[in-house]
Structure formats: C-alpha cells, structure tokens
Amino acid sequence: MTVLKCHKGIGPKVSGEALVADDNFSARYDLDRIKGIFSRPQHKLAGQSYKDKILVLNTSKGGVASAWMLYEMKSRGIAPKAILFNNANTILAQGAALADMAMCDRFEDGDVTTLIQSGQTVEVDPEAGVVTILA
C-alpha cells in the first residue's frame, strides 16, 4: 500500500481501477460521451473506456463546455469515478464539484502519471488530500 498526498480535492471518497496516461484531458474533444471511450485518435488512451475508472492524467484542458460535460456524463451514468491530475484548471474543478465527481491535483510525491499505473486499484479521498494505491 502506497499513500500519495495531493492538494485538498473535490468530491466524494471513491475507489476503483486506475487508467493512466501521460497526456492531457478535455471532456469536450477527447471523449465519446455516448460510448464512454476516449475517441480522439491522437490521445494515448484512444479506444479505452473511461466509465467507472479513476483517470490519471497530466493536466486538464478546456473551459465551461468541458466542465459542463462532466456533469452531463455523470447524470447519464457514463463517467469516471475520479480524475487525478498533475494540474487541474479551476473551471474543470468547478465542473467536478457540480458533477459531485472526485478530483485531486498537485501531488507532493511528483508526477502522478508515473506514480500510479493502469490497472492498479486506488482509493481517492479528496477531502483528506490522499490517494492510496491498494493493489
């Protein structure tokens, strides 16, 4: 078990399987929100499902449309459980709050995309600012 400290985050405590890429994230341009997959061919997670995953990515991109899309994805039940970033923009953080989706960023231990591997089970406790790698 490994505990990672991050800046105090947003949303509920959740656990699940990590899906990791050293890539950026735009809910508007990177995702097929109907199929629940990364759809931009150039994205490192292209073709992979994000539904019920703990996404671990470099930084968030986009503005109000991307933030609103987090809420829309959550309301349809095709959303990640949490999103972890090295750096998240404030608008996407507002979208995560509206969607009641867990989000954390700014990890003390370094680049989160190298600290967590796809397939690992992680627990995200945004209020405590802690992400625990369980397996």
N, C-alpha and C. Protein backbone atom coordinates (compact mmCIF):
# COMPACT_ATOMS: atom_id res chain seq x y z
N MET A 1 0.84 -1.17 0.00
CA MET A 1 0.00 0.00 0.00
C MET A 1 0.89 1.24 0.00
N THR A 2 0.58 2.17 -0.92
CA THR A 2 1.32 3.41 -1.04
C THR A 2 0.36 4.58 -0.90
N VAL A 3 0.72 5.56 -0.09
CA VAL A 3 -0.13 6.74 0.13
C VAL A 3 0.53 7.93 -0.54
N LEU A 4 -0.25 8.62 -1.38
CA LEU A 4 0.21 9.82 -2.08
C LEU A 4 -0.57 11.01 -1.55
N LYS A 5 0.13 12.10 -1.30
CA LYS A 5 -0.51 13.32 -0.81
C LYS A 5 -0.71 14.28 -1.98
N CYS A 6 -1.91 14.87 -2.02
CA CYS A 6 -2.22 15.86 -3.04
C CYS A 6 -2.87 17.06 -2.38
N HIS A 7 -3.08 18.09 -3.16
CA HIS A 7 -3.81 19.25 -2.68
C HIS A 7 -5.22 18.80 -2.35
N LYS A 8 -5.83 19.37 -1.34
CA LYS A 8 -7.21 19.01 -0.98
C LYS A 8 -8.08 19.10 -2.23
N GLY A 9 -8.86 18.05 -2.47
CA GLY A 9 -9.62 17.96 -3.70
C GLY A 9 -11.11 18.21 -3.51
N ILE A 10 -11.85 17.70 -4.48
CA ILE A 10 -13.29 17.92 -4.60
C ILE A 10 -13.97 16.56 -4.70
N GLY A 11 -15.16 16.45 -4.14
CA GLY A 11 -16.00 15.29 -4.38
C GLY A 11 -15.90 14.21 -3.33
N PRO A 12 -16.62 13.11 -3.58
CA PRO A 12 -16.71 12.02 -2.60
C PRO A 12 -15.48 11.11 -2.60
N LYS A 13 -15.34 10.34 -1.53
CA LYS A 13 -14.31 9.31 -1.44
C LYS A 13 -14.75 8.14 -2.33
N VAL A 14 -13.86 7.69 -3.22
CA VAL A 14 -14.17 6.60 -4.14
C VAL A 14 -12.96 5.69 -4.29
N SER A 15 -13.19 4.49 -4.79
CA SER A 15 -12.09 3.60 -5.14
C SER A 15 -12.42 2.91 -6.45
N GLY A 16 -11.37 2.48 -7.14
CA GLY A 16 -11.57 1.81 -8.42
C GLY A 16 -10.27 1.56 -9.13
N GLU A 17 -10.40 1.11 -10.35
CA GLU A 17 -9.25 0.77 -11.19
C GLU A 17 -8.73 2.02 -11.89
N ALA A 18 -7.42 2.21 -11.85
CA ALA A 18 -6.79 3.36 -12.48
C ALA A 18 -6.62 3.14 -13.99
N LEU A 19 -6.79 4.23 -14.72
CA LEU A 19 -6.49 4.28 -16.15
C LEU A 19 -5.58 5.49 -16.33
N VAL A 20 -4.31 5.24 -16.69
CA VAL A 20 -3.26 6.26 -16.61
C VAL A 20 -2.65 6.56 -17.98
N ALA A 21 -2.39 7.83 -18.23
CA ALA A 21 -1.63 8.24 -19.41
C ALA A 21 -0.94 9.57 -19.15
N ASP A 22 0.26 9.69 -19.67
CA ASP A 22 0.97 10.96 -19.64
C ASP A 22 0.44 11.79 -20.81
N ASP A 23 -0.78 12.26 -20.66
CA ASP A 23 -1.47 13.02 -21.69
C ASP A 23 -2.40 13.99 -20.99
N ASN A 24 -2.93 14.94 -21.73
CA ASN A 24 -3.84 15.91 -21.16
C ASN A 24 -5.28 15.44 -21.34
N PHE A 25 -6.24 16.20 -20.81
CA PHE A 25 -7.63 15.77 -20.80
C PHE A 25 -8.58 16.90 -21.16
N SER A 26 -9.42 16.64 -22.15
CA SER A 26 -10.53 17.53 -22.48
C SER A 26 -11.78 16.68 -22.61
N ALA A 27 -12.76 16.92 -21.75
CA ALA A 27 -14.02 16.18 -21.84
C ALA A 27 -14.70 16.47 -23.17
N ARG A 28 -14.48 17.63 -23.71
CA ARG A 28 -15.14 18.02 -24.96
C ARG A 28 -14.50 17.36 -26.18
N TYR A 29 -13.18 17.34 -26.28
CA TYR A 29 -12.52 16.91 -27.50
C TYR A 29 -11.92 15.50 -27.45
N ASP A 30 -11.69 14.95 -26.27
CA ASP A 30 -11.02 13.65 -26.16
C ASP A 30 -11.98 12.48 -26.02
N LEU A 31 -13.25 12.72 -25.73
CA LEU A 31 -14.15 11.64 -25.34
C LEU A 31 -15.34 11.48 -26.28
N ASP A 32 -15.76 10.23 -26.44
CA ASP A 32 -17.08 9.93 -27.00
C ASP A 32 -17.95 9.69 -25.77
N ARG A 33 -18.76 10.66 -25.43
CA ARG A 33 -19.52 10.60 -24.19
C ARG A 33 -20.73 9.69 -24.28
N ILE A 34 -21.07 9.22 -25.47
CA ILE A 34 -22.17 8.26 -25.62
C ILE A 34 -21.62 6.83 -25.41
N LYS A 35 -20.49 6.53 -26.03
CA LYS A 35 -19.89 5.19 -25.92
C LYS A 35 -19.05 5.02 -24.66
N GLY A 36 -18.64 6.13 -24.05
CA GLY A 36 -17.84 6.05 -22.83
C GLY A 36 -16.38 5.69 -23.07
N ILE A 37 -15.83 6.15 -24.22
CA ILE A 37 -14.44 5.85 -24.55
C ILE A 37 -13.68 7.12 -24.92
N PHE A 38 -12.36 7.03 -24.84
CA PHE A 38 -11.51 8.09 -25.38
C PHE A 38 -11.56 7.94 -26.90
N SER A 39 -11.93 9.00 -27.59
CA SER A 39 -12.18 8.89 -29.03
C SER A 39 -11.20 9.67 -29.90
N ARG A 40 -10.47 10.62 -29.35
CA ARG A 40 -9.52 11.37 -30.18
C ARG A 40 -8.37 10.43 -30.53
N PRO A 41 -8.15 10.15 -31.82
CA PRO A 41 -7.15 9.15 -32.21
C PRO A 41 -5.74 9.43 -31.69
N GLN A 42 -5.39 10.69 -31.49
CA GLN A 42 -4.05 11.04 -31.01
C GLN A 42 -3.88 10.88 -29.51
N HIS A 43 -4.96 10.68 -28.78
CA HIS A 43 -4.86 10.56 -27.32
C HIS A 43 -4.25 9.20 -26.97
N LYS A 44 -3.41 9.17 -25.97
CA LYS A 44 -2.73 7.92 -25.57
C LYS A 44 -3.69 6.87 -25.05
N LEU A 45 -4.92 7.25 -24.68
CA LEU A 45 -5.92 6.28 -24.21
C LEU A 45 -7.01 6.03 -25.26
N ALA A 46 -6.76 6.39 -26.51
CA ALA A 46 -7.75 6.24 -27.58
C ALA A 46 -8.30 4.81 -27.60
N GLY A 47 -9.64 4.72 -27.64
CA GLY A 47 -10.32 3.43 -27.71
C GLY A 47 -10.61 2.79 -26.37
N GLN A 48 -10.06 3.31 -25.30
CA GLN A 48 -10.25 2.71 -23.98
C GLN A 48 -11.44 3.35 -23.25
N SER A 49 -12.13 2.54 -22.48
CA SER A 49 -13.29 3.01 -21.71
C SER A 49 -12.84 3.77 -20.47
N TYR A 50 -13.50 4.89 -20.23
CA TYR A 50 -13.24 5.65 -19.00
C TYR A 50 -14.33 5.43 -17.96
N LYS A 51 -15.39 4.70 -18.31
CA LYS A 51 -16.53 4.51 -17.40
C LYS A 51 -16.09 3.82 -16.11
N ASP A 52 -16.40 4.43 -14.99
CA ASP A 52 -16.11 3.92 -13.64
C ASP A 52 -14.62 3.74 -13.35
N LYS A 53 -13.75 4.40 -14.10
CA LYS A 53 -12.30 4.34 -13.85
C LYS A 53 -11.86 5.53 -13.02
N ILE A 54 -10.69 5.41 -12.44
CA ILE A 54 -10.00 6.53 -11.81
C ILE A 54 -9.01 7.01 -12.87
N LEU A 55 -9.34 8.12 -13.54
CA LEU A 55 -8.47 8.63 -14.59
C LEU A 55 -7.29 9.36 -13.97
N VAL A 56 -6.09 9.09 -14.49
CA VAL A 56 -4.87 9.72 -14.00
C VAL A 56 -4.19 10.32 -15.22
N LEU A 57 -4.17 11.66 -15.27
CA LEU A 57 -3.68 12.37 -16.46
C LEU A 57 -2.83 13.57 -16.06
N ASN A 58 -2.18 14.16 -17.05
CA ASN A 58 -1.27 15.26 -16.77
C ASN A 58 -2.00 16.53 -16.34
N THR A 59 -2.80 17.09 -17.24
CA THR A 59 -3.48 18.34 -16.93
C THR A 59 -4.83 18.40 -17.63
N SER A 60 -5.68 19.27 -17.14
CA SER A 60 -7.00 19.45 -17.75
C SER A 60 -6.93 20.57 -18.79
N LYS A 61 -7.73 20.39 -19.83
CA LYS A 61 -7.85 21.41 -20.87
C LYS A 61 -9.32 21.79 -20.99
N GLY A 62 -9.55 22.95 -21.50
CA GLY A 62 -10.93 23.32 -21.80
C GLY A 62 -11.50 24.30 -20.82
N GLY A 63 -12.71 24.72 -21.17
CA GLY A 63 -13.39 25.72 -20.38
C GLY A 63 -14.74 25.25 -19.92
N VAL A 64 -15.70 26.13 -20.01
CA VAL A 64 -17.03 25.88 -19.47
C VAL A 64 -17.67 24.65 -20.10
N ALA A 65 -17.51 24.45 -21.40
CA ALA A 65 -18.12 23.29 -22.05
C ALA A 65 -17.57 21.98 -21.47
N SER A 66 -16.28 21.89 -21.26
CA SER A 66 -15.69 20.68 -20.66
C SER A 66 -16.20 20.48 -19.24
N ALA A 67 -16.30 21.55 -18.49
CA ALA A 67 -16.79 21.45 -17.11
C ALA A 67 -18.23 20.97 -17.09
N TRP A 68 -19.07 21.53 -17.94
CA TRP A 68 -20.46 21.12 -18.00
C TRP A 68 -20.57 19.65 -18.40
N MET A 69 -19.69 19.19 -19.29
CA MET A 69 -19.74 17.81 -19.77
C MET A 69 -19.48 16.79 -18.66
N LEU A 70 -18.71 17.14 -17.64
CA LEU A 70 -18.53 16.22 -16.51
C LEU A 70 -19.88 15.95 -15.85
N TYR A 71 -20.65 17.00 -15.66
CA TYR A 71 -21.98 16.85 -15.06
C TYR A 71 -22.89 16.01 -15.97
N GLU A 72 -22.85 16.29 -17.25
CA GLU A 72 -23.67 15.57 -18.21
C GLU A 72 -23.31 14.08 -18.23
N MET A 73 -22.03 13.76 -18.20
CA MET A 73 -21.56 12.36 -18.19
C MET A 73 -22.04 11.67 -16.92
N LYS A 74 -21.90 12.33 -15.79
CA LYS A 74 -22.30 11.74 -14.51
C LYS A 74 -23.81 11.51 -14.46
N SER A 75 -24.59 12.44 -15.00
CA SER A 75 -26.05 12.30 -14.97
C SER A 75 -26.52 11.13 -15.82
N ARG A 76 -25.76 10.74 -16.84
CA ARG A 76 -26.12 9.61 -17.69
C ARG A 76 -25.48 8.30 -17.23
N GLY A 77 -24.66 8.34 -16.18
CA GLY A 77 -24.04 7.13 -15.66
C GLY A 77 -22.89 6.61 -16.50
N ILE A 78 -22.32 7.46 -17.34
CA ILE A 78 -21.15 7.07 -18.15
C ILE A 78 -20.04 8.08 -17.85
N ALA A 79 -19.43 7.91 -16.69
CA ALA A 79 -18.43 8.87 -16.23
C ALA A 79 -17.33 8.14 -15.47
N PRO A 80 -16.16 8.76 -15.37
CA PRO A 80 -15.14 8.21 -14.47
C PRO A 80 -15.58 8.40 -13.02
N LYS A 81 -15.02 7.58 -12.13
CA LYS A 81 -15.29 7.76 -10.70
C LYS A 81 -14.53 8.96 -10.15
N ALA A 82 -13.34 9.18 -10.69
CA ALA A 82 -12.49 10.28 -10.23
C ALA A 82 -11.52 10.65 -11.33
N ILE A 83 -10.98 11.86 -11.24
CA ILE A 83 -9.93 12.29 -12.14
C ILE A 83 -8.81 12.87 -11.29
N LEU A 84 -7.61 12.37 -11.52
CA LEU A 84 -6.41 12.85 -10.84
C LEU A 84 -5.52 13.52 -11.86
N PHE A 85 -5.03 14.71 -11.54
CA PHE A 85 -4.19 15.48 -12.45
C PHE A 85 -2.91 15.93 -11.75
N ASN A 86 -1.88 16.16 -12.54
CA ASN A 86 -0.75 16.92 -12.01
C ASN A 86 -1.21 18.35 -11.75
N ASN A 87 -1.98 18.90 -12.68
CA ASN A 87 -2.53 20.25 -12.54
C ASN A 87 -3.91 20.31 -13.19
N ALA A 88 -4.90 20.78 -12.46
CA ALA A 88 -6.25 20.95 -12.99
C ALA A 88 -6.57 22.44 -13.07
N ASN A 89 -7.30 22.82 -14.12
CA ASN A 89 -7.70 24.23 -14.18
C ASN A 89 -8.94 24.45 -13.31
N THR A 90 -9.15 25.67 -12.92
CA THR A 90 -10.23 25.98 -11.97
C THR A 90 -11.61 25.73 -12.55
N ILE A 91 -11.78 25.92 -13.85
CA ILE A 91 -13.10 25.70 -14.45
C ILE A 91 -13.47 24.22 -14.42
N LEU A 92 -12.51 23.34 -14.71
CA LEU A 92 -12.81 21.91 -14.65
C LEU A 92 -13.05 21.48 -13.19
N ALA A 93 -12.37 22.09 -12.26
CA ALA A 93 -12.62 21.80 -10.84
C ALA A 93 -14.05 22.19 -10.48
N GLN A 94 -14.54 23.29 -11.00
CA GLN A 94 -15.93 23.68 -10.77
C GLN A 94 -16.88 22.66 -11.38
N GLY A 95 -16.55 22.14 -12.56
CA GLY A 95 -17.36 21.11 -13.19
C GLY A 95 -17.40 19.84 -12.37
N ALA A 96 -16.26 19.46 -11.80
CA ALA A 96 -16.21 18.27 -10.94
C ALA A 96 -17.09 18.48 -9.70
N ALA A 97 -17.05 19.67 -9.15
CA ALA A 97 -17.89 19.97 -7.98
C ALA A 97 -19.37 19.87 -8.35
N LEU A 98 -19.76 20.44 -9.48
CA LEU A 98 -21.15 20.37 -9.93
C LEU A 98 -21.58 18.92 -10.15
N ALA A 99 -20.69 18.10 -10.71
CA ALA A 99 -20.99 16.70 -11.00
C ALA A 99 -20.85 15.79 -9.78
N ASP A 100 -20.36 16.33 -8.68
CA ASP A 100 -20.05 15.53 -7.49
C ASP A 100 -19.10 14.39 -7.85
N MET A 101 -18.08 14.75 -8.62
CA MET A 101 -17.06 13.81 -9.09
C MET A 101 -15.75 14.09 -8.34
N ALA A 102 -15.12 13.04 -7.86
CA ALA A 102 -13.86 13.20 -7.13
C ALA A 102 -12.77 13.71 -8.06
N MET A 103 -12.00 14.68 -7.59
CA MET A 103 -10.88 15.22 -8.35
C MET A 103 -9.81 15.69 -7.38
N CYS A 104 -8.56 15.36 -7.68
CA CYS A 104 -7.40 15.85 -6.91
C CYS A 104 -6.30 16.23 -7.89
N ASP A 105 -5.43 17.15 -7.46
CA ASP A 105 -4.28 17.52 -8.27
C ASP A 105 -3.13 17.96 -7.37
N ARG A 106 -2.02 18.32 -7.99
CA ARG A 106 -0.80 18.83 -7.33
C ARG A 106 -0.28 17.84 -6.28
N PHE A 107 0.28 16.74 -6.76
CA PHE A 107 0.79 15.68 -5.88
C PHE A 107 2.18 16.02 -5.36
N GLU A 108 2.35 15.88 -4.06
CA GLU A 108 3.62 16.20 -3.40
C GLU A 108 4.75 15.26 -3.83
N ASP A 109 4.40 14.02 -4.18
CA ASP A 109 5.41 13.00 -4.47
C ASP A 109 5.92 13.04 -5.90
N GLY A 110 5.39 13.93 -6.74
CA GLY A 110 5.86 14.05 -8.11
C GLY A 110 4.76 13.85 -9.13
N ASP A 111 5.16 13.46 -10.32
CA ASP A 111 4.26 13.29 -11.46
C ASP A 111 3.33 12.10 -11.21
N VAL A 112 2.05 12.38 -11.04
CA VAL A 112 1.08 11.33 -10.69
C VAL A 112 0.96 10.29 -11.81
N THR A 113 1.28 10.68 -13.06
CA THR A 113 1.18 9.72 -14.16
C THR A 113 2.31 8.68 -14.13
N THR A 114 3.31 8.92 -13.29
CA THR A 114 4.37 7.91 -13.11
C THR A 114 4.25 7.19 -11.77
N LEU A 115 3.49 7.77 -10.85
CA LEU A 115 3.33 7.17 -9.52
C LEU A 115 2.27 6.07 -9.48
N ILE A 116 1.30 6.16 -10.38
CA ILE A 116 0.20 5.19 -10.46
C ILE A 116 0.25 4.54 -11.83
N GLN A 117 -0.05 3.25 -11.89
CA GLN A 117 -0.05 2.52 -13.16
C GLN A 117 -1.47 2.06 -13.49
N SER A 118 -1.77 2.00 -14.79
CA SER A 118 -3.07 1.48 -15.22
C SER A 118 -3.27 0.08 -14.65
N GLY A 119 -4.49 -0.17 -14.20
CA GLY A 119 -4.84 -1.47 -13.65
C GLY A 119 -4.72 -1.54 -12.14
N GLN A 120 -3.99 -0.62 -11.52
CA GLN A 120 -3.88 -0.63 -10.07
C GLN A 120 -5.21 -0.18 -9.46
N THR A 121 -5.52 -0.70 -8.29
CA THR A 121 -6.70 -0.27 -7.55
C THR A 121 -6.29 0.86 -6.63
N VAL A 122 -7.00 1.97 -6.72
CA VAL A 122 -6.68 3.14 -5.90
C VAL A 122 -7.92 3.64 -5.18
N GLU A 123 -7.68 4.25 -4.03
CA GLU A 123 -8.74 4.90 -3.27
C GLU A 123 -8.42 6.39 -3.24
N VAL A 124 -9.41 7.19 -3.58
CA VAL A 124 -9.25 8.64 -3.63
C VAL A 124 -10.08 9.25 -2.51
N ASP A 125 -9.43 9.99 -1.63
CA ASP A 125 -10.11 10.70 -0.55
C ASP A 125 -9.81 12.19 -0.73
N PRO A 126 -10.61 12.86 -1.56
CA PRO A 126 -10.32 14.27 -1.88
C PRO A 126 -10.28 15.20 -0.67
N GLU A 127 -11.19 14.99 0.28
CA GLU A 127 -11.25 15.88 1.44
C GLU A 127 -9.97 15.81 2.27
N ALA A 128 -9.40 14.61 2.37
CA ALA A 128 -8.15 14.44 3.12
C ALA A 128 -6.92 14.77 2.27
N GLY A 129 -7.10 14.89 0.95
CA GLY A 129 -5.96 15.13 0.07
C GLY A 129 -5.05 13.91 -0.01
N VAL A 130 -5.66 12.71 -0.06
CA VAL A 130 -4.89 11.47 -0.04
C VAL A 130 -5.39 10.52 -1.13
N VAL A 131 -4.46 9.93 -1.85
CA VAL A 131 -4.76 8.85 -2.80
C VAL A 131 -3.93 7.67 -2.35
N THR A 132 -4.59 6.53 -2.14
CA THR A 132 -3.92 5.33 -1.67
C THR A 132 -3.94 4.27 -2.77
N ILE A 133 -2.76 3.77 -3.12
CA ILE A 133 -2.66 2.66 -4.06
C ILE A 133 -2.81 1.40 -3.26
N LEU A 134 -3.93 0.69 -3.49
CA LEU A 134 -4.26 -0.50 -2.69
C LEU A 134 -3.64 -1.77 -3.28
N ALA A 135 -3.63 -1.89 -4.59
CA ALA A 135 -3.08 -3.09 -5.25
C ALA A 135 -2.68 -2.78 -6.67
